[in-house]
Amino acid sequence: MKGAVISMLVFVAWVQFMVKPAEAITCGEVDSDLSACVPYLTRRGGDDPPPQCCAGVIKLKNSAVSIADKKAACECVKAAAAGISDISEAAASSLPAKCDVQIDIPISKDFNCADIH
């Protein structure tokens, strides 16, 4: 009986070690993903976002899969956008389409992130 209890405790400890808890998305990650988009968003980079920007949008989409992550990423996007005084809302709202990406996180400084479901 004692051996079975020890085996069970070892198994439970092993499972806890092997199962990595999900890490929440951070604003540092979001900022890094979208930093290449700033010239496009401020209309200093032409009519189309650069490939590095679109790669970042795709990375953001793939990183923020849960509703909590999407809301957190949305708040990060809002904070970053608010810090860019000359951001073009038209460029921001068109960014996902320009990158041919469907993403549930609006690129906007005015979106209510609580509306993400």
Protein backbone atom coordinates (compact mmCIF):
# COMPACT_ATOMS: atom_id res chain seq x y z
CA MET A 1 0.00 0.00 0.00
CA LYS A 2 2.81 2.37 0.92
CA GLY A 3 4.48 1.76 -2.46
CA ALA A 4 1.24 2.55 -4.30
CA VAL A 5 0.88 5.88 -2.47
CA ILE A 6 4.47 6.84 -3.28
CA SER A 7 3.98 5.85 -6.90
CA MET A 8 0.84 7.97 -7.07
CA LEU A 9 2.62 10.99 -5.55
CA VAL A 10 5.50 10.62 -8.00
CA PHE A 11 3.03 10.40 -10.88
CA VAL A 12 1.13 13.52 -9.75
CA ALA A 13 4.40 15.45 -9.37
CA TRP A 14 5.50 14.31 -12.83
CA VAL A 15 2.20 15.42 -14.41
CA GLN A 16 2.44 18.84 -12.75
CA PHE A 17 6.00 19.20 -14.02
CA MET A 18 5.09 18.20 -17.57
CA VAL A 19 1.99 20.38 -17.91
CA LYS A 20 3.15 23.92 -18.52
CA PRO A 21 0.57 26.53 -17.53
CA ALA A 22 -0.49 28.94 -20.24
CA GLU A 23 1.40 32.19 -20.11
CA ALA A 24 -0.51 35.40 -20.63
CA ILE A 25 0.43 37.59 -23.55
CA THR A 26 2.39 40.69 -22.56
CA CYS A 27 2.46 44.22 -23.93
CA GLY A 28 6.15 43.72 -24.65
CA GLU A 29 5.27 40.87 -26.99
CA VAL A 30 2.49 42.84 -28.67
CA ASP A 31 4.74 45.89 -29.07
CA SER A 32 7.48 43.72 -30.54
CA ASP A 33 5.04 42.04 -32.93
CA LEU A 34 3.68 45.33 -34.23
CA SER A 35 6.75 47.60 -34.07
CA ALA A 36 7.47 47.17 -37.78
CA CYS A 37 3.97 48.54 -38.49
CA VAL A 38 4.58 52.02 -37.08
CA PRO A 39 5.78 53.59 -40.38
CA TYR A 40 2.68 52.26 -42.14
CA LEU A 41 0.36 53.33 -39.31
CA THR A 42 1.73 56.88 -39.38
CA ARG A 43 1.63 56.98 -43.19
CA ARG A 44 5.40 57.44 -43.36
CA GLY A 45 5.91 54.01 -44.85
CA GLY A 46 3.84 53.96 -48.01
CA ASP A 47 0.48 52.53 -48.91
CA ASP A 48 1.23 48.96 -47.88
CA PRO A 49 2.63 47.57 -44.63
CA PRO A 50 6.08 45.98 -44.87
CA PRO A 51 6.38 42.17 -44.76
CA GLN A 52 7.84 42.34 -41.22
CA CYS A 53 4.71 44.16 -40.08
CA CYS A 54 2.40 41.52 -41.56
CA ALA A 55 4.55 38.77 -40.02
CA GLY A 56 4.03 40.50 -36.66
CA VAL A 57 0.27 40.69 -37.16
CA ILE A 58 0.23 36.96 -37.93
CA LYS A 59 2.38 36.25 -34.87
CA LEU A 60 0.02 38.31 -32.71
CA LYS A 61 -2.98 36.41 -34.08
CA ASN A 62 -1.31 33.09 -33.32
CA SER A 63 -0.24 34.20 -29.82
CA ALA A 64 -3.58 35.57 -28.67
CA VAL A 65 -5.92 32.62 -28.91
CA SER A 66 -7.94 32.79 -25.70
CA ILE A 67 -10.47 35.52 -25.02
CA ALA A 68 -8.33 36.71 -22.09
CA ASP A 69 -5.26 36.95 -24.34
CA LYS A 70 -7.23 38.79 -27.03
CA LYS A 71 -8.53 41.30 -24.49
CA ALA A 72 -5.05 41.76 -23.01
CA ALA A 73 -3.53 42.21 -26.47
CA CYS A 74 -6.30 44.68 -27.35
CA GLU A 75 -5.45 46.77 -24.27
CA CYS A 76 -1.77 46.67 -25.26
CA VAL A 77 -2.60 47.78 -28.81
CA LYS A 78 -4.73 50.63 -27.45
CA ALA A 79 -1.96 51.78 -25.12
CA ALA A 80 0.66 51.64 -27.86
CA ALA A 81 -1.61 53.42 -30.36
CA ALA A 82 -2.39 56.14 -27.83
CA GLY A 83 1.35 56.79 -27.56
CA ILE A 84 1.64 57.49 -31.29
CA SER A 85 0.20 60.95 -31.81
CA ASP A 86 0.06 60.83 -35.60
CA ILE A 87 -1.41 57.37 -36.05
CA SER A 88 -3.88 57.11 -38.92
CA GLU A 89 -7.06 55.38 -37.78
CA ALA A 90 -7.76 54.46 -41.42
CA ALA A 91 -4.37 52.78 -41.72
CA ALA A 92 -4.85 51.07 -38.35
CA SER A 93 -8.26 49.67 -39.21
CA SER A 94 -7.08 48.51 -42.64
CA LEU A 95 -3.91 46.81 -41.35
CA PRO A 96 -5.30 43.26 -40.94
CA ALA A 97 -6.89 43.34 -44.41
CA LYS A 98 -3.73 44.79 -45.96
CA CYS A 99 -1.82 41.87 -44.40
CA ASP A 100 -4.53 39.42 -45.54
CA VAL A 101 -5.09 38.32 -41.93
CA GLN A 102 -8.35 37.92 -40.05
CA ILE A 103 -7.65 38.85 -36.45
CA ASP A 104 -10.08 39.35 -33.57
CA ILE A 105 -7.97 42.15 -32.09
CA PRO A 106 -8.78 45.58 -33.52
CA ILE A 107 -5.80 47.80 -34.25
CA SER A 108 -7.23 51.00 -32.79
CA LYS A 109 -6.79 53.41 -29.93
CA ASP A 110 -10.54 53.86 -29.51
CA PHE A 111 -11.90 50.29 -29.41
CA ASN A 112 -13.60 49.02 -26.24
CA CYS A 113 -11.64 45.83 -25.53
CA ALA A 114 -14.42 44.54 -23.28
CA ASP A 115 -16.42 43.96 -26.49
CA ILE A 116 -14.10 41.11 -27.54
CA HIS A 117 -15.81 37.74 -27.17
